[in-house]
């Protein structure tokens, strides 16, 4: 399986950027949300009470900014097609962020 992934990500293809640009923010957001909730529960000392250090929309933005690091790595490799896929996936993630959190913004 790892050999298959290595063969897929060896080439400059837009699908590589699209998949990695969707995968990285989703996984990072889930990890940051879990970490924030567990730290909040440890701070209160009560399992039923939550203390959020950062709002979920802020954590989602932090996860989206991680795409910039990956896009810079693609730029150094001169993988222009992967950067295009990454731009499309970042736009999709930003649109989902705006749709989900638009009510909280105003």
PDB file of N, CA and C in Angstrom:
ATOM      1  N   UNK A   1       0.821  -1.195   0.000  1.00  0.00           N
ATOM      2  CA  UNK A   1       0.000   0.000   0.000  1.00  0.00           C
ATOM      3  C   UNK A   1       0.868   1.262   0.000  1.00  0.00           C
ATOM      4  N   UNK A   2       1.924   1.262   0.806  1.00  0.00           N
ATOM      5  CA  UNK A   2       2.779   2.441   0.851  1.00  0.00           C
ATOM      6  C   UNK A   2       3.516   2.633  -0.473  1.00  0.00           C
ATOM      7  N   UNK A   3       3.800   1.520  -1.173  1.00  0.00           N
ATOM      8  CA  UNK A   3       4.432   1.623  -2.479  1.00  0.00           C
ATOM      9  C   UNK A   3       3.491   2.299  -3.480  1.00  0.00           C
ATOM     10  N   UNK A   4       2.203   2.006  -3.377  1.00  0.00           N
ATOM     11  CA  UNK A   4       1.212   2.628  -4.247  1.00  0.00           C
ATOM     12  C   UNK A   4       1.146   4.129  -3.990  1.00  0.00           C
ATOM     13  N   UNK A   5       1.127   4.527  -2.711  1.00  0.00           N
ATOM     14  CA  UNK A   5       1.099   5.953  -2.391  1.00  0.00           C
ATOM     15  C   UNK A   5       2.365   6.656  -2.843  1.00  0.00           C
ATOM     16  N   UNK A   6       3.502   6.003  -2.721  1.00  0.00           N
ATOM     17  CA  UNK A   6       4.760   6.600  -3.165  1.00  0.00           C
ATOM     18  C   UNK A   6       4.750   6.804  -4.673  1.00  0.00           C
ATOM     19  N   UNK A   7       4.176   5.845  -5.406  1.00  0.00           N
ATOM     20  CA  UNK A   7       4.110   6.005  -6.864  1.00  0.00           C
ATOM     21  C   UNK A   7       3.140   7.112  -7.249  1.00  0.00           C
ATOM     22  N   UNK A   8       2.055   7.262  -6.512  1.00  0.00           N
ATOM     23  CA  UNK A   8       1.073   8.296  -6.836  1.00  0.00           C
ATOM     24  C   UNK A   8       1.656   9.683  -6.595  1.00  0.00           C
ATOM     25  N   UNK A   9       2.306   9.883  -5.441  1.00  0.00           N
ATOM     26  CA  UNK A   9       2.792  11.216  -5.090  1.00  0.00           C
ATOM     27  C   UNK A   9       4.178  11.517  -5.630  1.00  0.00           C
ATOM     28  N   UNK A  10       4.691  10.696  -6.502  1.00  0.00           N
ATOM     29  CA  UNK A  10       5.975  10.982  -7.132  1.00  0.00           C
ATOM     30  C   UNK A  10       5.825  11.934  -8.316  1.00  0.00           C
ATOM     31  N   UNK A  11       4.647  12.056  -8.811  1.00  0.00           N
ATOM     32  CA  UNK A  11       4.421  12.858 -10.022  1.00  0.00           C
ATOM     33  C   UNK A  11       3.704  14.150  -9.687  1.00  0.00           C
ATOM     34  N   UNK A  12       3.868  15.111 -10.578  1.00  0.00           N
ATOM     35  CA  UNK A  12       3.190  16.396 -10.457  1.00  0.00           C
ATOM     36  C   UNK A  12       1.834  16.282 -11.130  1.00  0.00           C
ATOM     37  N   UNK A  13       0.800  16.042 -10.339  1.00  0.00           N
ATOM     38  CA  UNK A  13      -0.556  15.931 -10.855  1.00  0.00           C
ATOM     39  C   UNK A  13      -1.477  16.781  -9.994  1.00  0.00           C
ATOM     40  N   UNK A  14      -2.509  17.338 -10.611  1.00  0.00           N
ATOM     41  CA  UNK A  14      -3.414  18.203  -9.869  1.00  0.00           C
ATOM     42  C   UNK A  14      -4.203  17.409  -8.824  1.00  0.00           C
ATOM     43  N   UNK A  15      -4.424  16.132  -9.071  1.00  0.00           N
ATOM     44  CA  UNK A  15      -5.169  15.324  -8.107  1.00  0.00           C
ATOM     45  C   UNK A  15      -4.378  15.161  -6.805  1.00  0.00           C
ATOM     46  N   UNK A  16      -3.046  15.143  -6.890  1.00  0.00           N
ATOM     47  CA  UNK A  16      -2.220  15.089  -5.678  1.00  0.00           C
ATOM     48  C   UNK A  16      -2.452  16.321  -4.808  1.00  0.00           C
ATOM     49  N   UNK A  17      -2.477  17.468  -5.429  1.00  0.00           N
ATOM     50  CA  UNK A  17      -2.727  18.701  -4.691  1.00  0.00           C
ATOM     51  C   UNK A  17      -4.139  18.766  -4.148  1.00  0.00           C
ATOM     52  N   UNK A  18      -5.101  18.268  -4.927  1.00  0.00           N
ATOM     53  CA  UNK A  18      -6.488  18.285  -4.485  1.00  0.00           C
ATOM     54  C   UNK A  18      -6.693  17.384  -3.272  1.00  0.00           C
ATOM     55  N   UNK A  19      -6.167  16.189  -3.340  1.00  0.00           N
ATOM     56  CA  UNK A  19      -6.332  15.235  -2.230  1.00  0.00           C
ATOM     57  C   UNK A  19      -5.588  15.718  -0.988  1.00  0.00           C
ATOM     58  N   UNK A  20      -4.351  16.122  -1.148  1.00  0.00           N
ATOM     59  CA  UNK A  20      -3.586  16.565   0.020  1.00  0.00           C
ATOM     60  C   UNK A  20      -4.130  17.878   0.575  1.00  0.00           C
ATOM     61  N   UNK A  21      -4.662  18.732  -0.284  1.00  0.00           N
ATOM     62  CA  UNK A  21      -5.235  19.997   0.173  1.00  0.00           C
ATOM     63  C   UNK A  21      -6.549  19.832   0.907  1.00  0.00           C
ATOM     64  N   UNK A  22      -7.254  18.738   0.671  1.00  0.00           N
ATOM     65  CA  UNK A  22      -8.465  18.442   1.438  1.00  0.00           C
ATOM     66  C   UNK A  22      -8.152  17.620   2.681  1.00  0.00           C
ATOM     67  N   UNK A  23      -7.205  16.711   2.565  1.00  0.00           N
ATOM     68  CA  UNK A  23      -6.880  15.804   3.660  1.00  0.00           C
ATOM     69  C   UNK A  23      -6.208  16.531   4.821  1.00  0.00           C
ATOM     70  N   UNK A  24      -5.217  17.362   4.531  1.00  0.00           N
ATOM     71  CA  UNK A  24      -4.449  18.026   5.584  1.00  0.00           C
ATOM     72  C   UNK A  24      -5.317  18.914   6.479  1.00  0.00           C
ATOM     73  N   UNK A  25      -6.140  19.828   5.943  1.00  0.00           N
ATOM     74  CA  UNK A  25      -6.933  20.673   6.849  1.00  0.00           C
ATOM     75  C   UNK A  25      -7.974  19.896   7.653  1.00  0.00           C
ATOM     76  N   UNK A  26      -8.565  18.871   7.059  1.00  0.00           N
ATOM     77  CA  UNK A  26      -9.593  18.111   7.775  1.00  0.00           C
ATOM     78  C   UNK A  26      -8.978  17.357   8.946  1.00  0.00           C
ATOM     79  N   UNK A  27      -7.863  16.691   8.697  1.00  0.00           N
ATOM     80  CA  UNK A  27      -7.212  15.932   9.764  1.00  0.00           C
ATOM     81  C   UNK A  27      -6.649  16.879  10.829  1.00  0.00           C
ATOM     82  N   UNK A  28      -6.059  17.969  10.406  1.00  0.00           N
ATOM     83  CA  UNK A  28      -5.497  18.924  11.361  1.00  0.00           C
ATOM     84  C   UNK A  28      -6.595  19.584  12.191  1.00  0.00           C
ATOM     85  N   UNK A  29      -7.724  19.916  11.579  1.00  0.00           N
ATOM     86  CA  UNK A  29      -8.843  20.506  12.318  1.00  0.00           C
ATOM     87  C   UNK A  29      -9.376  19.527  13.360  1.00  0.00           C
ATOM     88  N   UNK A  30      -9.524  18.266  12.973  1.00  0.00           N
ATOM     89  CA  UNK A  30     -10.009  17.264  13.924  1.00  0.00           C
ATOM     90  C   UNK A  30      -9.037  17.106  15.093  1.00  0.00           C
ATOM     91  N   UNK A  31      -7.754  17.089  14.799  1.00  0.00           N
ATOM     92  CA  UNK A  31      -6.761  16.971  15.860  1.00  0.00           C
ATOM     93  C   UNK A  31      -6.738  18.181  16.778  1.00  0.00           C
ATOM     94  N   UNK A  32      -6.805  19.369  16.199  1.00  0.00           N
ATOM     95  CA  UNK A  32      -6.808  20.588  17.016  1.00  0.00           C
ATOM     96  C   UNK A  32      -8.069  20.690  17.863  1.00  0.00           C
ATOM     97  N   UNK A  33      -9.209  20.294  17.302  1.00  0.00           N
ATOM     98  CA  UNK A  33     -10.456  20.336  18.057  1.00  0.00           C
ATOM     99  C   UNK A  33     -10.423  19.352  19.221  1.00  0.00           C
ATOM    100  N   UNK A  34      -9.915  18.166  18.967  1.00  0.00           N
ATOM    101  CA  UNK A  34      -9.790  17.166  20.037  1.00  0.00           C
ATOM    102  C   UNK A  34      -8.838  17.663  21.126  1.00  0.00           C
ATOM    103  N   UNK A  35      -7.713  18.219  20.717  1.00  0.00           N
ATOM    104  CA  UNK A  35      -6.734  18.730  21.673  1.00  0.00           C
ATOM    105  C   UNK A  35      -7.314  19.876  22.499  1.00  0.00           C
ATOM    106  N   UNK A  36      -8.028  20.781  21.843  1.00  0.00           N
ATOM    107  CA  UNK A  36      -8.620  21.915  22.545  1.00  0.00           C
ATOM    108  C   UNK A  36      -9.672  21.460  23.551  1.00  0.00           C
ATOM    109  N   UNK A  37     -10.500  20.504  23.149  1.00  0.00           N
ATOM    110  CA  UNK A  37     -11.524  20.015  24.071  1.00  0.00           C
ATOM    111  C   UNK A  37     -10.923  19.258  25.235  1.00  0.00           C
ATOM    112  N   UNK A  38      -9.892  18.465  24.980  1.00  0.00           N
ATOM    113  CA  UNK A  38      -9.289  17.707  26.087  1.00  0.00           C
ATOM    114  C   UNK A  38      -8.544  18.628  27.050  1.00  0.00           C
ATOM    115  N   UNK A  39      -7.902  19.667  26.554  1.00  0.00           N
ATOM    116  CA  UNK A  39      -7.248  20.630  27.443  1.00  0.00           C
ATOM    117  C   UNK A  39      -8.293  21.392  28.249  1.00  0.00           C
ATOM    118  N   UNK A  40      -9.412  21.722  27.607  1.00  0.00           N
ATOM    119  CA  UNK A  40     -10.491  22.411  28.317  1.00  0.00           C
ATOM    120  C   UNK A  40     -11.089  21.560  29.417  1.00  0.00           C
ATOM    121  N   UNK A  41     -11.236  20.255  29.167  1.00  0.00           N
ATOM    122  CA  UNK A  41     -11.781  19.366  30.201  1.00  0.00           C
ATOM    123  C   UNK A  41     -10.787  19.182  31.343  1.00  0.00           C
ATOM    124  N   UNK A  42      -9.503  19.168  31.017  1.00  0.00           N
ATOM    125  CA  UNK A  42      -8.492  19.041  32.076  1.00  0.00           C
ATOM    126  C   UNK A  42      -8.446  20.309  32.926  1.00  0.00           C
ATOM    127  N   UNK A  43      -8.656  21.467  32.304  1.00  0.00           N
ATOM    128  CA  UNK A  43      -8.592  22.726  33.041  1.00  0.00           C
ATOM    129  C   UNK A  43      -9.764  22.878  34.007  1.00  0.00           C
ATOM    130  N   UNK A  44     -10.942  22.389  33.602  1.00  0.00           N
ATOM    131  CA  UNK A  44     -12.098  22.513  34.492  1.00  0.00           C
ATOM    132  C   UNK A  44     -12.129  21.419  35.541  1.00  0.00           C
ATOM    133  N   UNK A  45     -11.540  20.269  35.244  1.00  0.00           N
ATOM    134  CA  UNK A  45     -11.555  19.160  36.181  1.00  0.00           C
ATOM    135  C   UNK A  45     -12.854  18.390  36.177  1.00  0.00           C
ATOM    136  N   UNK A  46     -13.745  18.724  35.246  1.00  0.00           N
ATOM    137  CA  UNK A  46     -15.040  18.072  35.164  1.00  0.00           C
ATOM    138  C   UNK A  46     -15.231  17.563  33.740  1.00  0.00           C
ATOM    139  N   UNK A  47     -15.603  16.308  33.603  1.00  0.00           N
ATOM    140  CA  UNK A  47     -15.776  15.716  32.274  1.00  0.00           C
ATOM    141  C   UNK A  47     -16.991  16.276  31.545  1.00  0.00           C
ATOM    142  N   UNK A  48     -17.992  16.747  32.295  1.00  0.00           N
ATOM    143  CA  UNK A  48     -19.234  17.213  31.673  1.00  0.00           C
ATOM    144  C   UNK A  48     -19.183  18.684  31.280  1.00  0.00           C
ATOM    145  N   UNK A  49     -18.216  19.415  31.774  1.00  0.00           N
ATOM    146  CA  UNK A  49     -18.125  20.840  31.497  1.00  0.00           C
ATOM    147  C   UNK A  49     -16.985  21.106  30.520  1.00  0.00           C
ATOM    148  N   UNK A  50     -17.277  21.877  29.487  1.00  0.00           N
ATOM    149  CA  UNK A  50     -16.269  22.193  28.478  1.00  0.00           C
ATOM    150  C   UNK A  50     -15.780  23.625  28.632  1.00  0.00           C
ATOM    151  N   UNK A  51     -14.514  23.810  28.415  1.00  0.00           N
ATOM    152  CA  UNK A  51     -13.901  25.128  28.375  1.00  0.00           C
ATOM    153  C   UNK A  51     -13.125  25.192  27.067  1.00  0.00           C
ATOM    154  N   UNK A  52     -13.603  25.977  26.139  1.00  0.00           N
ATOM    155  CA  UNK A  52     -12.950  26.068  24.840  1.00  0.00           C
ATOM    156  C   UNK A  52     -11.914  27.184  24.869  1.00  0.00           C
ATOM    157  N   UNK A  53     -10.685  26.831  24.593  1.00  0.00           N
ATOM    158  CA  UNK A  53      -9.627  27.833  24.544  1.00  0.00           C
ATOM    159  C   UNK A  53      -9.745  28.677  23.290  1.00  0.00           C
ATOM    160  N   UNK A  54     -10.043  28.042  22.175  1.00  0.00           N
ATOM    161  CA  UNK A  54     -10.265  28.723  20.906  1.00  0.00           C
ATOM    162  C   UNK A  54     -11.578  28.226  20.315  1.00  0.00           C
ATOM    163  N   UNK A  55     -12.262  29.109  19.606  1.00  0.00           N
ATOM    164  CA  UNK A  55     -13.507  28.701  18.961  1.00  0.00           C
ATOM    165  C   UNK A  55     -13.203  27.740  17.822  1.00  0.00           C
ATOM    166  N   UNK A  56     -14.159  26.874  17.501  1.00  0.00           N
ATOM    167  CA  UNK A  56     -13.949  25.949  16.378  1.00  0.00           C
ATOM    168  C   UNK A  56     -13.672  26.662  15.056  1.00  0.00           C
ATOM    169  N   UNK A  57     -14.260  27.824  14.849  1.00  0.00           N
ATOM    170  CA  UNK A  57     -13.986  28.528  13.587  1.00  0.00           C
ATOM    171  C   UNK A  57     -12.539  29.016  13.517  1.00  0.00           C
ATOM    172  N   UNK A  58     -11.949  29.362  14.659  1.00  0.00           N
ATOM    173  CA  UNK A  58     -10.542  29.760  14.687  1.00  0.00           C
ATOM    174  C   UNK A  58      -9.641  28.563  14.416  1.00  0.00           C
ATOM    175  N   UNK A  59     -10.001  27.424  14.989  1.00  0.00           N
ATOM    176  CA  UNK A  59      -9.228  26.212  14.739  1.00  0.00           C
ATOM    177  C   UNK A  59      -9.307  25.809  13.267  1.00  0.00           C
ATOM    178  N   UNK A  60     -10.471  26.006  12.652  1.00  0.00           N
ATOM    179  CA  UNK A  60     -10.622  25.689  11.229  1.00  0.00           C
ATOM    180  C   UNK A  60      -9.741  26.601  10.379  1.00  0.00           C
ATOM    181  N   UNK A  61      -9.651  27.861  10.739  1.00  0.00           N
ATOM    182  CA  UNK A  61      -8.772  28.777  10.000  1.00  0.00           C
ATOM    183  C   UNK A  61      -7.305  28.398  10.158  1.00  0.00           C
ATOM    184  N   UNK A  62      -6.919  27.982  11.354  1.00  0.00           N
ATOM    185  CA  UNK A  62      -5.541  27.535  11.555  1.00  0.00           C
ATOM    186  C   UNK A  62      -5.235  26.316  10.696  1.00  0.00           C
ATOM    187  N   UNK A  63      -6.196  25.421  10.592  1.00  0.00           N
ATOM    188  CA  UNK A  63      -6.011  24.235   9.753  1.00  0.00           C
ATOM    189  C   UNK A  63      -5.915  24.621   8.278  1.00  0.00           C
ATOM    190  N   UNK A  64      -6.659  25.637   7.866  1.00  0.00           N
ATOM    191  CA  UNK A  64      -6.578  26.083   6.474  1.00  0.00           C
ATOM    192  C   UNK A  64      -5.235  26.733   6.161  1.00  0.00           C
ATOM    193  N   UNK A  65      -4.670  27.419   7.129  1.00  0.00           N
ATOM    194  CA  UNK A  65      -3.373  28.047   6.896  1.00  0.00           C
ATOM    195  C   UNK A  65      -2.253  27.025   6.742  1.00  0.00           C
ATOM    196  N   UNK A  66      -2.487  25.810   7.197  1.00  0.00           N
ATOM    197  CA  UNK A  66      -1.495  24.747   7.011  1.00  0.00           C
ATOM    198  C   UNK A  66      -1.324  24.423   5.535  1.00  0.00           C
ATOM    199  N   UNK A  67      -2.352  24.708   4.730  1.00  0.00           N
ATOM    200  CA  UNK A  67      -2.235  24.499   3.293  1.00  0.00           C
ATOM    201  C   UNK A  67      -1.161  25.388   2.675  1.00  0.00           C
ATOM    202  N   UNK A  68      -0.929  26.544   3.272  1.00  0.00           N
ATOM    203  CA  UNK A  68       0.104  27.429   2.731  1.00  0.00           C
ATOM    204  C   UNK A  68       1.479  26.802   2.852  1.00  0.00           C
ATOM    205  N   UNK A  69       1.724  26.082   3.927  1.00  0.00           N
ATOM    206  CA  UNK A  69       3.019  25.421   4.109  1.00  0.00           C
ATOM    207  C   UNK A  69       3.207  24.337   3.054  1.00  0.00           C
ATOM    208  N   UNK A  70       2.147  23.554   2.839  1.00  0.00           N
ATOM    209  CA  UNK A  70       2.220  22.503   1.839  1.00  0.00           C
ATOM    210  C   UNK A  70       2.332  23.084   0.428  1.00  0.00           C
ATOM    211  N   UNK A  71       1.665  24.194   0.187  1.00  0.00           N
ATOM    212  CA  UNK A  71       1.758  24.834  -1.125  1.00  0.00           C
ATOM    213  C   UNK A  71       3.175  25.357  -1.373  1.00  0.00           C
ATOM    214  N   UNK A  72       3.814  25.834  -0.330  1.00  0.00           N
ATOM    215  CA  UNK A  72       5.203  26.291  -0.464  1.00  0.00           C
ATOM    216  C   UNK A  72       6.127  25.125  -0.786  1.00  0.00           C
ATOM    217  N   UNK A  73       5.843  23.965  -0.199  1.00  0.00           N
ATOM    218  CA  UNK A  73       6.651  22.774  -0.504  1.00  0.00           C
ATOM    219  C   UNK A  73       6.474  22.371  -1.963  1.00  0.00           C
ATOM    220  N   UNK A  74       5.241  22.440  -2.467  1.00  0.00           N
ATOM    221  CA  UNK A  74       5.003  22.144  -3.884  1.00  0.00           C
ATOM    222  C   UNK A  74       5.702  23.162  -4.782  1.00  0.00           C
ATOM    223  N   UNK A  75       5.745  24.404  -4.329  1.00  0.00           N
ATOM    224  CA  UNK A  75       6.412  25.445  -5.122  1.00  0.00           C
ATOM    225  C   UNK A  75       7.913  25.182  -5.217  1.00  0.00           C
ATOM    226  N   UNK A  76       8.520  24.756  -4.108  1.00  0.00           N
ATOM    227  CA  UNK A  76       9.956  24.459  -4.136  1.00  0.00           C
ATOM    228  C   UNK A  76      10.265  23.267  -5.029  1.00  0.00           C
ATOM    229  N   UNK A  77       9.329  22.315  -5.112  1.00  0.00           N
ATOM    230  CA  UNK A  77       9.505  21.166  -5.991  1.00  0.00           C
ATOM    231  C   UNK A  77       9.163  21.495  -7.449  1.00  0.00           C
ATOM    232  N   UNK A  78       8.620  22.691  -7.669  1.00  0.00           N
ATOM    233  CA  UNK A  78       8.152  23.149  -8.975  1.00  0.00           C
ATOM    234  C   UNK A  78       7.047  22.239  -9.520  1.00  0.00           C
ATOM    235  N   UNK A  79       6.163  21.855  -8.637  1.00  0.00           N
ATOM    236  CA  UNK A  79       5.004  21.045  -9.014  1.00  0.00           C
ATOM    237  C   UNK A  79       3.814  21.973  -9.209  1.00  0.00           C
ATOM    238  N   UNK A  80       3.744  22.565 -10.375  1.00  0.00           N
ATOM    239  CA  UNK A  80       2.704  23.554 -10.662  1.00  0.00           C
ATOM    240  C   UNK A  80       1.312  22.939 -10.720  1.00  0.00           C
ATOM    241  N   UNK A  81       1.191  21.742 -11.270  1.00  0.00           N
ATOM    242  CA  UNK A  81      -0.123  21.106 -11.340  1.00  0.00           C
ATOM    243  C   UNK A  81      -0.641  20.767  -9.937  1.00  0.00           C
ATOM    244  N   UNK A  82       0.244  20.309  -9.075  1.00  0.00           N
ATOM    245  CA  UNK A  82      -0.171  20.021  -7.690  1.00  0.00           C
ATOM    246  C   UNK A  82      -0.579  21.303  -6.975  1.00  0.00           C
ATOM    247  N   UNK A  83       0.104  22.394  -7.278  1.00  0.00           N
ATOM    248  CA  UNK A  83      -0.280  23.676  -6.683  1.00  0.00           C
ATOM    249  C   UNK A  83      -1.662  24.106  -7.157  1.00  0.00           C
ATOM    250  N   UNK A  84      -2.006  23.818  -8.390  1.00  0.00           N
ATOM    251  CA  UNK A  84      -3.347  24.144  -8.886  1.00  0.00           C
ATOM    252  C   UNK A  84      -4.412  23.334  -8.153  1.00  0.00           C
ATOM    253  N   UNK A  85      -4.156  22.059  -7.963  1.00  0.00           N
ATOM    254  CA  UNK A  85      -5.088  21.242  -7.194  1.00  0.00           C
ATOM    255  C   UNK A  85      -5.217  21.720  -5.765  1.00  0.00           C
ATOM    256  N   UNK A  86      -4.105  22.151  -5.207  1.00  0.00           N
ATOM    257  CA  UNK A  86      -4.108  22.671  -3.844  1.00  0.00           C
ATOM    258  C   UNK A  86      -4.920  23.966  -3.758  1.00  0.00           C
ATOM    259  N   UNK A  87      -4.810  24.815  -4.757  1.00  0.00           N
ATOM    260  CA  UNK A  87      -5.578  26.058  -4.772  1.00  0.00           C
ATOM    261  C   UNK A  87      -7.080  25.766  -4.854  1.00  0.00           C
ATOM    262  N   UNK A  88      -7.459  24.792  -5.665  1.00  0.00           N
ATOM    263  CA  UNK A  88      -8.868  24.429  -5.789  1.00  0.00           C
ATOM    264  C   UNK A  88      -9.392  23.871  -4.463  1.00  0.00           C
ATOM    265  N   UNK A  89      -8.628  22.993  -3.843  1.00  0.00           N
ATOM    266  CA  UNK A  89      -9.075  22.408  -2.573  1.00  0.00           C
ATOM    267  C   UNK A  89      -9.131  23.451  -1.460  1.00  0.00           C
ATOM    268  N   UNK A  90      -8.200  24.389  -1.464  1.00  0.00           N
ATOM    269  CA  UNK A  90      -8.228  25.461  -0.470  1.00  0.00           C
ATOM    270  C   UNK A  90      -9.453  26.335  -0.671  1.00  0.00           C
ATOM    271  N   UNK A  91      -9.791  26.624  -1.918  1.00  0.00           N
ATOM    272  CA  UNK A  91     -10.997  27.408  -2.203  1.00  0.00           C
ATOM    273  C   UNK A  91     -12.241  26.675  -1.731  1.00  0.00           C
ATOM    274  N   UNK A  92     -12.290  25.356  -1.927  1.00  0.00           N
ATOM    275  CA  UNK A  92     -13.433  24.559  -1.472  1.00  0.00           C
ATOM    276  C   UNK A  92     -13.535  24.612   0.051  1.00  0.00           C
ATOM    277  N   UNK A  93     -12.415  24.466   0.722  1.00  0.00           N
ATOM    278  CA  UNK A  93     -12.411  24.499   2.195  1.00  0.00           C
ATOM    279  C   UNK A  93     -12.814  25.876   2.724  1.00  0.00           C
ATOM    280  N   UNK A  94     -12.362  26.933   2.087  1.00  0.00           N
ATOM    281  CA  UNK A  94     -12.736  28.282   2.513  1.00  0.00           C
ATOM    282  C   UNK A  94     -14.230  28.513   2.294  1.00  0.00           C
ATOM    283  N   UNK A  95     -14.753  28.041   1.170  1.00  0.00           N
ATOM    284  CA  UNK A  95     -16.187  28.175   0.909  1.00  0.00           C
ATOM    285  C   UNK A  95     -17.003  27.416   1.955  1.00  0.00           C
ATOM    286  N   UNK A  96     -16.558  26.220   2.328  1.00  0.00           N
ATOM    287  CA  UNK A  96     -17.247  25.462   3.374  1.00  0.00           C
ATOM    288  C   UNK A  96     -17.164  26.173   4.717  1.00  0.00           C
ATOM    289  N   UNK A  97     -16.024  26.795   4.997  1.00  0.00           N
ATOM    290  CA  UNK A  97     -15.867  27.549   6.236  1.00  0.00           C
ATOM    291  C   UNK A  97     -16.843  28.721   6.280  1.00  0.00           C
ATOM    292  N   UNK A  98     -16.946  29.445   5.187  1.00  0.00           N
ATOM    293  CA  UNK A  98     -17.852  30.609   5.134  1.00  0.00           C
ATOM    294  C   UNK A  98     -19.299  30.155   5.279  1.00  0.00           C
ATOM    295  N   UNK A  99     -19.670  29.065   4.613  1.00  0.00           N
ATOM    296  CA  UNK A  99     -21.049  28.573   4.710  1.00  0.00           C
ATOM    297  C   UNK A  99     -21.367  28.125   6.134  1.00  0.00           C
ATOM    298  N   UNK A 100     -20.430  27.424   6.766  1.00  0.00           N
ATOM    299  CA  UNK A 100     -20.684  26.907   8.119  1.00  0.00           C
ATOM    300  C   UNK A 100     -20.714  27.999   9.174  1.00  0.00           C
ATOM    301  N   UNK A 101     -19.806  28.953   9.100  1.00  0.00           N
ATOM    302  CA  UNK A 101     -19.662  29.941  10.160  1.00  0.00           C
ATOM    303  C   UNK A 101     -20.163  31.329   9.780  1.00  0.00           C
ATOM    304  N   UNK A 102     -20.921  31.476   8.715  1.00  0.00           N
ATOM    305  CA  UNK A 102     -21.410  32.792   8.298  1.00  0.00           C
ATOM    306  C   UNK A 102     -22.347  33.397   9.324  1.00  0.00           C
ATOM    307  N   UNK A 103     -23.151  32.578   9.963  1.00  0.00           N
ATOM    308  CA  UNK A 103     -24.094  33.085  10.972  1.00  0.00           C
ATOM    309  C   UNK A 103     -23.403  33.633  12.211  1.00  0.00           C
ATOM    310  N   UNK A 104     -22.232  33.132  12.531  1.00  0.00           N
ATOM    311  CA  UNK A 104     -21.498  33.596  13.705  1.00  0.00           C
ATOM    312  C   UNK A 104     -20.681  34.853  13.436  1.00  0.00           C
ATOM    313  N   UNK A 105     -20.474  35.188  12.180  1.00  0.00           N
ATOM    314  CA  UNK A 105     -19.594  36.288  11.852  1.00  0.00           C
ATOM    315  C   UNK A 105     -20.257  37.664  12.035  1.00  0.00           C
ATOM    316  N   UNK A 106     -21.546  37.729  11.794  1.00  0.00           N
ATOM    317  CA  UNK A 106     -22.209  39.048  11.811  1.00  0.00           C
ATOM    318  C   UNK A 106     -23.236  39.138  12.895  1.00  0.00           C
TER     319      UNK A 106
END
